[in-house]
């Protein structure tokens, strides 16, 4: 596996791959890789001739009171995992390579509507940082396909809309969330949780499952279900940020006419903020509703 932190060197390598007729897959990450990331890598390896993983802890998507300074950095371990997985190339640029000038004066990409709801309410500016780094990586690498986990469903929709609106010729693929044996969505931030907190954190997914089953199997008012689920998280010792039932394409509050829903939530376990979601497909006429996990 080759690697570089230099954009020019990366582009020279990619020029050779394209001249050889190879398709290129990209898996953007912030490192501290777990099986969820490696699932994306394996899918890219399966579907493309050449797979690039990027590791970049993007300062633009962190607020001043967030965990940029302590975000886990495990470069040596990440390299070993990528080498074992068969990754072709690692792009691991320093911040100066991505943002050579003052961060606050850098152009930012804003995706309207999707970027100012849900997670954005308590993380202002976060999705502008995400959109900006993703568009930079897509412009630097110009991959045929880029892979994202659906655990961060809001991010996935934002990236999809951004690439569509800006005519970016990269296909965006979302892959299902990878979970531990107890249902907890794998996350780089899980390393901050104690064993007791991990057990507590699993309530987030259980609450999503309970809400999904209630929607599928009973007539329930969405707003009442959101309030009950929020309360259930509090009773389990979590500090919920939000628990929302939304249209899965727009993330607007779901109505009884909607067919495809996403139940999306964020909650703190101690000081660690976790996100998760579960999708529900309803068939109001044929009674073939199902939960997508």
C-alpha atoms as a PDB file:
ATOM      1  CA  UNK A   1       0.000   0.000   0.000  1.00  0.00           C
ATOM      2  CA  UNK A   2       1.435   3.352  -1.057  1.00  0.00           C
ATOM      3  CA  UNK A   3       0.669   6.569   0.788  1.00  0.00           C
ATOM      4  CA  UNK A   4       1.249  10.297   0.642  1.00  0.00           C
ATOM      5  CA  UNK A   5       0.107  13.493   2.270  1.00  0.00           C
ATOM      6  CA  UNK A   6       0.889  15.553  -0.804  1.00  0.00           C
ATOM      7  CA  UNK A   7      -1.865  16.447  -3.281  1.00  0.00           C
ATOM      8  CA  UNK A   8       0.471  16.689  -6.292  1.00  0.00           C
ATOM      9  CA  UNK A   9       1.974  13.264  -5.630  1.00  0.00           C
ATOM     10  CA  UNK A  10      -1.495  11.781  -5.208  1.00  0.00           C
ATOM     11  CA  UNK A  11      -2.666  13.236  -8.512  1.00  0.00           C
ATOM     12  CA  UNK A  12       0.392  11.892 -10.330  1.00  0.00           C
ATOM     13  CA  UNK A  13      -0.400   8.433  -9.016  1.00  0.00           C
ATOM     14  CA  UNK A  14      -4.060   8.711  -9.979  1.00  0.00           C
ATOM     15  CA  UNK A  15      -3.151   9.846 -13.495  1.00  0.00           C
ATOM     16  CA  UNK A  16      -1.275   6.559 -13.971  1.00  0.00           C
ATOM     17  CA  UNK A  17      -4.247   4.549 -12.695  1.00  0.00           C
ATOM     18  CA  UNK A  18      -6.652   6.296 -15.049  1.00  0.00           C
ATOM     19  CA  UNK A  19      -4.317   5.857 -17.995  1.00  0.00           C
ATOM     20  CA  UNK A  20      -4.389   2.142 -17.185  1.00  0.00           C
ATOM     21  CA  UNK A  21      -8.191   2.256 -17.400  1.00  0.00           C
ATOM     22  CA  UNK A  22      -8.777   1.615 -13.715  1.00  0.00           C
ATOM     23  CA  UNK A  23     -11.925   2.650 -11.830  1.00  0.00           C
ATOM     24  CA  UNK A  24     -11.250   4.472  -8.582  1.00  0.00           C
ATOM     25  CA  UNK A  25     -13.129   4.167  -5.301  1.00  0.00           C
ATOM     26  CA  UNK A  26     -12.734   6.557  -2.349  1.00  0.00           C
ATOM     27  CA  UNK A  27     -13.428   5.960   1.337  1.00  0.00           C
ATOM     28  CA  UNK A  28     -13.104   9.277   3.242  1.00  0.00           C
ATOM     29  CA  UNK A  29     -12.390   8.859   6.973  1.00  0.00           C
ATOM     30  CA  UNK A  30     -11.042  10.699   9.997  1.00  0.00           C
ATOM     31  CA  UNK A  31      -9.025   7.684  11.070  1.00  0.00           C
ATOM     32  CA  UNK A  32      -9.229   5.517  14.202  1.00  0.00           C
ATOM     33  CA  UNK A  33     -10.566   2.893  11.848  1.00  0.00           C
ATOM     34  CA  UNK A  34     -13.020   0.224  12.976  1.00  0.00           C
ATOM     35  CA  UNK A  35     -14.965  -2.542  11.224  1.00  0.00           C
ATOM     36  CA  UNK A  36     -17.483  -0.008   9.923  1.00  0.00           C
ATOM     37  CA  UNK A  37     -14.764   1.802   7.993  1.00  0.00           C
ATOM     38  CA  UNK A  38     -13.254  -1.475   6.816  1.00  0.00           C
ATOM     39  CA  UNK A  39     -16.669  -2.570   5.544  1.00  0.00           C
ATOM     40  CA  UNK A  40     -16.611   0.478   3.253  1.00  0.00           C
ATOM     41  CA  UNK A  41     -13.062  -0.323   2.172  1.00  0.00           C
ATOM     42  CA  UNK A  42     -13.917  -3.933   1.364  1.00  0.00           C
ATOM     43  CA  UNK A  43     -16.926  -2.842  -0.690  1.00  0.00           C
ATOM     44  CA  UNK A  44     -14.791  -0.413  -2.660  1.00  0.00           C
ATOM     45  CA  UNK A  45     -12.158  -3.089  -3.256  1.00  0.00           C
ATOM     46  CA  UNK A  46     -14.862  -5.431  -4.484  1.00  0.00           C
ATOM     47  CA  UNK A  47     -16.433  -2.934  -6.890  1.00  0.00           C
ATOM     48  CA  UNK A  48     -13.437  -0.906  -8.126  1.00  0.00           C
ATOM     49  CA  UNK A  49      -9.991  -1.526  -9.578  1.00  0.00           C
ATOM     50  CA  UNK A  50      -8.224   0.893  -7.252  1.00  0.00           C
ATOM     51  CA  UNK A  51      -9.237   2.013  -3.753  1.00  0.00           C
ATOM     52  CA  UNK A  52      -8.051   5.117  -1.929  1.00  0.00           C
ATOM     53  CA  UNK A  53      -8.711   5.748   1.755  1.00  0.00           C
ATOM     54  CA  UNK A  54      -8.246   9.256   3.089  1.00  0.00           C
ATOM     55  CA  UNK A  55      -7.525   9.983   6.733  1.00  0.00           C
ATOM     56  CA  UNK A  56      -7.990  13.608   7.679  1.00  0.00           C
ATOM     57  CA  UNK A  57      -9.311  14.955  10.965  1.00  0.00           C
ATOM     58  CA  UNK A  58     -11.062  17.980   9.554  1.00  0.00           C
ATOM     59  CA  UNK A  59     -10.780  20.995  11.875  1.00  0.00           C
ATOM     60  CA  UNK A  60     -13.465  22.897   9.959  1.00  0.00           C
ATOM     61  CA  UNK A  61     -16.235  20.566  11.163  1.00  0.00           C
ATOM     62  CA  UNK A  62     -15.401  20.931  14.871  1.00  0.00           C
ATOM     63  CA  UNK A  63     -16.730  23.742  17.022  1.00  0.00           C
ATOM     64  CA  UNK A  64     -14.433  25.386  19.590  1.00  0.00           C
ATOM     65  CA  UNK A  65     -16.052  23.457  22.465  1.00  0.00           C
ATOM     66  CA  UNK A  66     -15.827  20.068  20.723  1.00  0.00           C
ATOM     67  CA  UNK A  67     -13.284  17.271  20.883  1.00  0.00           C
ATOM     68  CA  UNK A  68     -10.839  18.100  18.050  1.00  0.00           C
ATOM     69  CA  UNK A  69      -7.807  18.086  20.347  1.00  0.00           C
ATOM     70  CA  UNK A  70      -8.625  14.693  21.840  1.00  0.00           C
ATOM     71  CA  UNK A  71     -10.148  13.044  18.770  1.00  0.00           C
ATOM     72  CA  UNK A  72      -8.462   9.614  18.619  1.00  0.00           C
ATOM     73  CA  UNK A  73      -5.417   9.452  16.378  1.00  0.00           C
ATOM     74  CA  UNK A  74      -4.221   5.914  15.635  1.00  0.00           C
ATOM     75  CA  UNK A  75      -2.287   6.247  12.388  1.00  0.00           C
ATOM     76  CA  UNK A  76       0.015   3.235  12.816  1.00  0.00           C
ATOM     77  CA  UNK A  77      -2.859   0.913  13.691  1.00  0.00           C
ATOM     78  CA  UNK A  78      -4.943   2.350  10.840  1.00  0.00           C
ATOM     79  CA  UNK A  79      -2.179   1.649   8.340  1.00  0.00           C
ATOM     80  CA  UNK A  80      -1.916  -1.953   9.525  1.00  0.00           C
ATOM     81  CA  UNK A  81      -5.668  -2.462   9.130  1.00  0.00           C
ATOM     82  CA  UNK A  82      -5.717  -0.953   5.655  1.00  0.00           C
ATOM     83  CA  UNK A  83      -2.720  -3.004   4.572  1.00  0.00           C
ATOM     84  CA  UNK A  84      -4.412  -6.184   5.811  1.00  0.00           C
ATOM     85  CA  UNK A  85      -7.636  -5.228   4.001  1.00  0.00           C
ATOM     86  CA  UNK A  86      -5.779  -4.754   0.707  1.00  0.00           C
ATOM     87  CA  UNK A  87      -6.206  -0.991   0.339  1.00  0.00           C
ATOM     88  CA  UNK A  88      -4.265   0.359  -2.645  1.00  0.00           C
ATOM     89  CA  UNK A  89      -3.453   3.889  -1.500  1.00  0.00           C
ATOM     90  CA  UNK A  90      -3.669   5.997   1.666  1.00  0.00           C
ATOM     91  CA  UNK A  91      -4.017   9.775   1.420  1.00  0.00           C
ATOM     92  CA  UNK A  92      -3.134  11.262   4.784  1.00  0.00           C
ATOM     93  CA  UNK A  93      -2.552  15.002   4.354  1.00  0.00           C
ATOM     94  CA  UNK A  94      -1.577  17.440   7.106  1.00  0.00           C
ATOM     95  CA  UNK A  95      -3.991  20.296   7.783  1.00  0.00           C
ATOM     96  CA  UNK A  96      -1.648  22.741   6.027  1.00  0.00           C
ATOM     97  CA  UNK A  97      -1.983  20.776   2.772  1.00  0.00           C
ATOM     98  CA  UNK A  98      -5.799  21.016   2.832  1.00  0.00           C
ATOM     99  CA  UNK A  99      -6.117  24.502   4.334  1.00  0.00           C
ATOM    100  CA  UNK A 100      -2.912  26.385   3.399  1.00  0.00           C
ATOM    101  CA  UNK A 101      -4.363  29.721   4.491  1.00  0.00           C
ATOM    102  CA  UNK A 102      -6.309  30.802   7.557  1.00  0.00           C
ATOM    103  CA  UNK A 103      -9.197  28.389   8.165  1.00  0.00           C
ATOM    104  CA  UNK A 104     -11.697  31.176   8.814  1.00  0.00           C
ATOM    105  CA  UNK A 105     -11.026  32.758   5.413  1.00  0.00           C
ATOM    106  CA  UNK A 106     -11.387  29.512   3.482  1.00  0.00           C
ATOM    107  CA  UNK A 107     -14.312  29.085   1.065  1.00  0.00           C
ATOM    108  CA  UNK A 108     -17.094  26.993   2.553  1.00  0.00           C
ATOM    109  CA  UNK A 109     -19.783  24.934   0.856  1.00  0.00           C
ATOM    110  CA  UNK A 110     -23.312  25.251   2.224  1.00  0.00           C
ATOM    111  CA  UNK A 111     -26.126  22.831   1.447  1.00  0.00           C
ATOM    112  CA  UNK A 112     -29.397  24.633   2.318  1.00  0.00           C
ATOM    113  CA  UNK A 113     -32.155  23.140   4.467  1.00  0.00           C
ATOM    114  CA  UNK A 114     -30.450  19.835   5.243  1.00  0.00           C
ATOM    115  CA  UNK A 115     -27.524  21.568   6.956  1.00  0.00           C
ATOM    116  CA  UNK A 116     -29.401  23.578   9.576  1.00  0.00           C
ATOM    117  CA  UNK A 117     -31.585  20.945  11.250  1.00  0.00           C
ATOM    118  CA  UNK A 118     -31.147  18.008  13.651  1.00  0.00           C
ATOM    119  CA  UNK A 119     -27.404  17.720  14.446  1.00  0.00           C
ATOM    120  CA  UNK A 120     -26.756  21.218  13.114  1.00  0.00           C
ATOM    121  CA  UNK A 121     -28.832  22.803  15.870  1.00  0.00           C
ATOM    122  CA  UNK A 122     -26.270  21.874  18.507  1.00  0.00           C
ATOM    123  CA  UNK A 123     -23.279  21.754  16.129  1.00  0.00           C
ATOM    124  CA  UNK A 124     -23.530  25.013  14.151  1.00  0.00           C
ATOM    125  CA  UNK A 125     -21.168  25.078  11.184  1.00  0.00           C
ATOM    126  CA  UNK A 126     -20.479  21.350  11.387  1.00  0.00           C
ATOM    127  CA  UNK A 127     -22.028  20.391   8.071  1.00  0.00           C
ATOM    128  CA  UNK A 128     -20.463  23.334   6.263  1.00  0.00           C
ATOM    129  CA  UNK A 129     -17.139  21.846   7.354  1.00  0.00           C
ATOM    130  CA  UNK A 130     -18.205  18.380   6.209  1.00  0.00           C
ATOM    131  CA  UNK A 131     -19.432  19.615   2.818  1.00  0.00           C
ATOM    132  CA  UNK A 132     -16.256  21.615   2.262  1.00  0.00           C
ATOM    133  CA  UNK A 133     -13.837  18.780   2.998  1.00  0.00           C
ATOM    134  CA  UNK A 134     -15.854  16.272   0.983  1.00  0.00           C
ATOM    135  CA  UNK A 135     -15.979  18.522  -2.078  1.00  0.00           C
ATOM    136  CA  UNK A 136     -12.241  19.149  -1.744  1.00  0.00           C
ATOM    137  CA  UNK A 137     -11.505  15.426  -1.599  1.00  0.00           C
ATOM    138  CA  UNK A 138     -13.762  14.732  -4.575  1.00  0.00           C
ATOM    139  CA  UNK A 139     -12.053  17.480  -6.580  1.00  0.00           C
ATOM    140  CA  UNK A 140      -8.570  16.309  -5.582  1.00  0.00           C
ATOM    141  CA  UNK A 141      -9.200  12.619  -6.270  1.00  0.00           C
ATOM    142  CA  UNK A 142     -12.086  12.639  -8.766  1.00  0.00           C
ATOM    143  CA  UNK A 143     -13.137   9.098  -7.846  1.00  0.00           C
ATOM    144  CA  UNK A 144     -15.716   7.138  -9.769  1.00  0.00           C
ATOM    145  CA  UNK A 145     -17.427   6.173  -6.509  1.00  0.00           C
ATOM    146  CA  UNK A 146     -17.221   7.379  -2.895  1.00  0.00           C
ATOM    147  CA  UNK A 147     -18.473   5.333   0.051  1.00  0.00           C
ATOM    148  CA  UNK A 148     -20.129   6.625   3.228  1.00  0.00           C
ATOM    149  CA  UNK A 149     -21.656   4.854   6.197  1.00  0.00           C
ATOM    150  CA  UNK A 150     -25.356   5.412   6.798  1.00  0.00           C
ATOM    151  CA  UNK A 151     -24.864   5.815  10.543  1.00  0.00           C
ATOM    152  CA  UNK A 152     -24.486   9.533   9.841  1.00  0.00           C
ATOM    153  CA  UNK A 153     -27.596   9.642   7.699  1.00  0.00           C
ATOM    154  CA  UNK A 154     -27.874  13.432   7.649  1.00  0.00           C
ATOM    155  CA  UNK A 155     -24.308  13.688   6.366  1.00  0.00           C
ATOM    156  CA  UNK A 156     -25.063  11.120   3.668  1.00  0.00           C
ATOM    157  CA  UNK A 157     -28.075  13.082   2.387  1.00  0.00           C
ATOM    158  CA  UNK A 158     -26.087  16.322   2.422  1.00  0.00           C
ATOM    159  CA  UNK A 159     -23.256  14.786   0.391  1.00  0.00           C
ATOM    160  CA  UNK A 160     -25.744  13.270  -2.074  1.00  0.00           C
ATOM    161  CA  UNK A 161     -27.506  16.597  -2.610  1.00  0.00           C
ATOM    162  CA  UNK A 162     -24.260  18.559  -2.843  1.00  0.00           C
ATOM    163  CA  UNK A 163     -22.783  16.313  -5.532  1.00  0.00           C
ATOM    164  CA  UNK A 164     -26.059  16.350  -7.479  1.00  0.00           C
ATOM    165  CA  UNK A 165     -26.466  20.130  -7.272  1.00  0.00           C
ATOM    166  CA  UNK A 166     -22.838  20.817  -8.236  1.00  0.00           C
ATOM    167  CA  UNK A 167     -22.770  18.230 -11.042  1.00  0.00           C
ATOM    168  CA  UNK A 168     -19.945  16.267  -9.422  1.00  0.00           C
ATOM    169  CA  UNK A 169     -19.325  13.144 -11.488  1.00  0.00           C
ATOM    170  CA  UNK A 170     -18.848  10.788  -8.536  1.00  0.00           C
ATOM    171  CA  UNK A 171     -21.429   8.234  -7.486  1.00  0.00           C
ATOM    172  CA  UNK A 172     -22.168   8.397  -3.745  1.00  0.00           C
ATOM    173  CA  UNK A 173     -22.894   5.037  -2.112  1.00  0.00           C
ATOM    174  CA  UNK A 174     -24.244   4.657   1.420  1.00  0.00           C
ATOM    175  CA  UNK A 175     -23.668   1.367   3.238  1.00  0.00           C
ATOM    176  CA  UNK A 176     -25.551   0.046   6.236  1.00  0.00           C
ATOM    177  CA  UNK A 177     -24.322   0.685   9.762  1.00  0.00           C
ATOM    178  CA  UNK A 178     -22.075  -1.947  11.318  1.00  0.00           C
ATOM    179  CA  UNK A 179     -22.945  -2.744  14.949  1.00  0.00           C
ATOM    180  CA  UNK A 180     -21.453  -4.657  17.826  1.00  0.00           C
ATOM    181  CA  UNK A 181     -23.127  -7.774  19.220  1.00  0.00           C
ATOM    182  CA  UNK A 182     -25.341  -5.618  21.440  1.00  0.00           C
ATOM    183  CA  UNK A 183     -26.510  -3.344  18.632  1.00  0.00           C
ATOM    184  CA  UNK A 184     -24.309  -0.332  19.353  1.00  0.00           C
ATOM    185  CA  UNK A 185     -23.301   1.401  16.116  1.00  0.00           C
ATOM    186  CA  UNK A 186     -19.538   1.304  15.689  1.00  0.00           C
ATOM    187  CA  UNK A 187     -17.985   4.735  16.083  1.00  0.00           C
ATOM    188  CA  UNK A 188     -14.514   6.148  16.573  1.00  0.00           C
ATOM    189  CA  UNK A 189     -15.847   7.884  19.679  1.00  0.00           C
ATOM    190  CA  UNK A 190     -16.855   4.592  21.320  1.00  0.00           C
ATOM    191  CA  UNK A 191     -13.270   4.289  22.576  1.00  0.00           C
ATOM    192  CA  UNK A 192     -14.081   7.040  25.080  1.00  0.00           C
ATOM    193  CA  UNK A 193     -16.839   4.926  26.693  1.00  0.00           C
ATOM    194  CA  UNK A 194     -16.355   2.698  29.732  1.00  0.00           C
ATOM    195  CA  UNK A 195     -17.898  -0.777  29.754  1.00  0.00           C
ATOM    196  CA  UNK A 196     -20.787   0.526  31.855  1.00  0.00           C
ATOM    197  CA  UNK A 197     -21.308   3.422  29.446  1.00  0.00           C
ATOM    198  CA  UNK A 198     -21.206   1.094  26.433  1.00  0.00           C
ATOM    199  CA  UNK A 199     -24.026  -0.940  27.938  1.00  0.00           C
ATOM    200  CA  UNK A 200     -25.949   2.266  28.556  1.00  0.00           C
ATOM    201  CA  UNK A 201     -25.256   3.501  25.016  1.00  0.00           C
ATOM    202  CA  UNK A 202     -26.962   0.449  23.531  1.00  0.00           C
ATOM    203  CA  UNK A 203     -30.274   1.918  24.672  1.00  0.00           C
ATOM    204  CA  UNK A 204     -30.042   4.357  21.771  1.00  0.00           C
ATOM    205  CA  UNK A 205     -30.514   1.604  19.200  1.00  0.00           C
ATOM    206  CA  UNK A 206     -33.108  -0.195  21.337  1.00  0.00           C
ATOM    207  CA  UNK A 207     -35.183   2.987  21.468  1.00  0.00           C
ATOM    208  CA  UNK A 208     -34.930   3.344  17.692  1.00  0.00           C
ATOM    209  CA  UNK A 209     -36.045  -0.261  17.244  1.00  0.00           C
ATOM    210  CA  UNK A 210     -38.959   0.189  19.647  1.00  0.00           C
ATOM    211  CA  UNK A 211     -40.106   3.314  17.817  1.00  0.00           C
ATOM    212  CA  UNK A 212     -39.811   1.607  14.419  1.00  0.00           C
ATOM    213  CA  UNK A 213     -41.837  -1.382  15.577  1.00  0.00           C
ATOM    214  CA  UNK A 214     -44.484   0.918  17.046  1.00  0.00           C
ATOM    215  CA  UNK A 215     -44.841   2.712  13.710  1.00  0.00           C
ATOM    216  CA  UNK A 216     -45.062  -0.532  11.748  1.00  0.00           C
ATOM    217  CA  UNK A 217     -47.387  -2.461  14.044  1.00  0.00           C
ATOM    218  CA  UNK A 218     -49.660   0.132  15.618  1.00  0.00           C
ATOM    219  CA  UNK A 219     -51.339   3.436  14.978  1.00  0.00           C
ATOM    220  CA  UNK A 220     -49.296   5.966  16.867  1.00  0.00           C
ATOM    221  CA  UNK A 221     -48.934   9.729  16.699  1.00  0.00           C
ATOM    222  CA  UNK A 222     -45.368  10.532  15.658  1.00  0.00           C
ATOM    223  CA  UNK A 223     -44.983  13.460  18.049  1.00  0.00           C
ATOM    224  CA  UNK A 224     -46.130  11.334  20.999  1.00  0.00           C
ATOM    225  CA  UNK A 225     -43.713   8.587  20.023  1.00  0.00           C
ATOM    226  CA  UNK A 226     -40.834  11.065  19.783  1.00  0.00           C
ATOM    227  CA  UNK A 227     -41.599  12.401  23.281  1.00  0.00           C
ATOM    228  CA  UNK A 228     -41.851   8.891  24.741  1.00  0.00           C
ATOM    229  CA  UNK A 229     -38.604   7.780  23.124  1.00  0.00           C
ATOM    230  CA  UNK A 230     -36.825  10.921  24.331  1.00  0.00           C
ATOM    231  CA  UNK A 231     -38.061  10.181  27.832  1.00  0.00           C
ATOM    232  CA  UNK A 232     -36.963   6.538  27.573  1.00  0.00           C
ATOM    233  CA  UNK A 233     -33.434   7.652  26.742  1.00  0.00           C
ATOM    234  CA  UNK A 234     -33.404   9.944  29.738  1.00  0.00           C
ATOM    235  CA  UNK A 235     -34.657   7.154  31.993  1.00  0.00           C
ATOM    236  CA  UNK A 236     -31.803   4.943  30.736  1.00  0.00           C
ATOM    237  CA  UNK A 237     -29.258   7.544  31.832  1.00  0.00           C
ATOM    238  CA  UNK A 238     -28.551   9.149  28.459  1.00  0.00           C
ATOM    239  CA  UNK A 239     -28.831  12.860  27.696  1.00  0.00           C
ATOM    240  CA  UNK A 240     -30.753  13.046  24.415  1.00  0.00           C
ATOM    241  CA  UNK A 241     -30.062  15.815  21.950  1.00  0.00           C
ATOM    242  CA  UNK A 242     -33.000  14.939  19.717  1.00  0.00           C
ATOM    243  CA  UNK A 243     -35.178  12.009  18.699  1.00  0.00           C
ATOM    244  CA  UNK A 244     -37.008  12.693  15.442  1.00  0.00           C
ATOM    245  CA  UNK A 245     -39.182  10.811  12.959  1.00  0.00           C
ATOM    246  CA  UNK A 246     -38.531  12.264   9.516  1.00  0.00           C
ATOM    247  CA  UNK A 247     -39.151  11.872   5.836  1.00  0.00           C
ATOM    248  CA  UNK A 248     -36.112   9.854   4.756  1.00  0.00           C
ATOM    249  CA  UNK A 249     -35.408  12.037   1.708  1.00  0.00           C
ATOM    250  CA  UNK A 250     -35.913  15.543   3.099  1.00  0.00           C
ATOM    251  CA  UNK A 251     -35.498  15.043   6.871  1.00  0.00           C
ATOM    252  CA  UNK A 252     -38.617  17.132   7.352  1.00  0.00           C
ATOM    253  CA  UNK A 253     -40.915  15.966  10.149  1.00  0.00           C
ATOM    254  CA  UNK A 254     -42.757  12.878   8.929  1.00  0.00           C
ATOM    255  CA  UNK A 255     -46.464  12.968   8.171  1.00  0.00           C
ATOM    256  CA  UNK A 256     -48.954  10.119   7.950  1.00  0.00           C
ATOM    257  CA  UNK A 257     -48.761  10.381   4.138  1.00  0.00           C
ATOM    258  CA  UNK A 258     -45.034   9.613   4.053  1.00  0.00           C
ATOM    259  CA  UNK A 259     -43.930   6.158   2.948  1.00  0.00           C
ATOM    260  CA  UNK A 260     -40.171   6.164   3.583  1.00  0.00           C
ATOM    261  CA  UNK A 261     -39.191   7.318   7.052  1.00  0.00           C
ATOM    262  CA  UNK A 262     -36.003   7.605   9.037  1.00  0.00           C
ATOM    263  CA  UNK A 263     -36.007   7.665  12.818  1.00  0.00           C
ATOM    264  CA  UNK A 264     -32.899   9.589  13.725  1.00  0.00           C
ATOM    265  CA  UNK A 265     -31.436  10.386  17.120  1.00  0.00           C
ATOM    266  CA  UNK A 266     -28.452  11.846  18.926  1.00  0.00           C
ATOM    267  CA  UNK A 267     -27.663  11.490  22.605  1.00  0.00           C
ATOM    268  CA  UNK A 268     -24.812  11.956  25.043  1.00  0.00           C
ATOM    269  CA  UNK A 269     -23.465   9.149  27.172  1.00  0.00           C
ATOM    270  CA  UNK A 270     -21.428  11.088  29.676  1.00  0.00           C
ATOM    271  CA  UNK A 271     -19.491  13.552  27.532  1.00  0.00           C
ATOM    272  CA  UNK A 272     -19.582  11.375  24.393  1.00  0.00           C
ATOM    273  CA  UNK A 273     -22.085  12.305  21.716  1.00  0.00           C
ATOM    274  CA  UNK A 274     -23.491   9.369  19.725  1.00  0.00           C
ATOM    275  CA  UNK A 275     -25.757   9.315  16.683  1.00  0.00           C
ATOM    276  CA  UNK A 276     -27.835   6.541  15.141  1.00  0.00           C
ATOM    277  CA  UNK A 277     -30.862   5.965  12.959  1.00  0.00           C
ATOM    278  CA  UNK A 278     -33.194   3.317  11.639  1.00  0.00           C
ATOM    279  CA  UNK A 279     -35.288   3.474   8.476  1.00  0.00           C
ATOM    280  CA  UNK A 280     -38.866   2.349   8.035  1.00  0.00           C
ATOM    281  CA  UNK A 281     -40.624   1.686   4.737  1.00  0.00           C
ATOM    282  CA  UNK A 282     -44.401   1.876   4.944  1.00  0.00           C
ATOM    283  CA  UNK A 283     -46.949   0.556   2.470  1.00  0.00           C
ATOM    284  CA  UNK A 284     -50.272   2.132   3.361  1.00  0.00           C
ATOM    285  CA  UNK A 285     -52.208   0.117   0.788  1.00  0.00           C
ATOM    286  CA  UNK A 286     -50.697  -3.374   0.873  1.00  0.00           C
ATOM    287  CA  UNK A 287     -49.711  -3.602   4.554  1.00  0.00           C
ATOM    288  CA  UNK A 288     -46.145  -4.590   3.707  1.00  0.00           C
ATOM    289  CA  UNK A 289     -44.343  -2.194   6.007  1.00  0.00           C
ATOM    290  CA  UNK A 290     -40.840  -3.096   7.100  1.00  0.00           C
ATOM    291  CA  UNK A 291     -38.024  -1.865   9.298  1.00  0.00           C
ATOM    292  CA  UNK A 292     -34.679  -1.375   7.536  1.00  0.00           C
ATOM    293  CA  UNK A 293     -31.860  -2.021   9.991  1.00  0.00           C
END
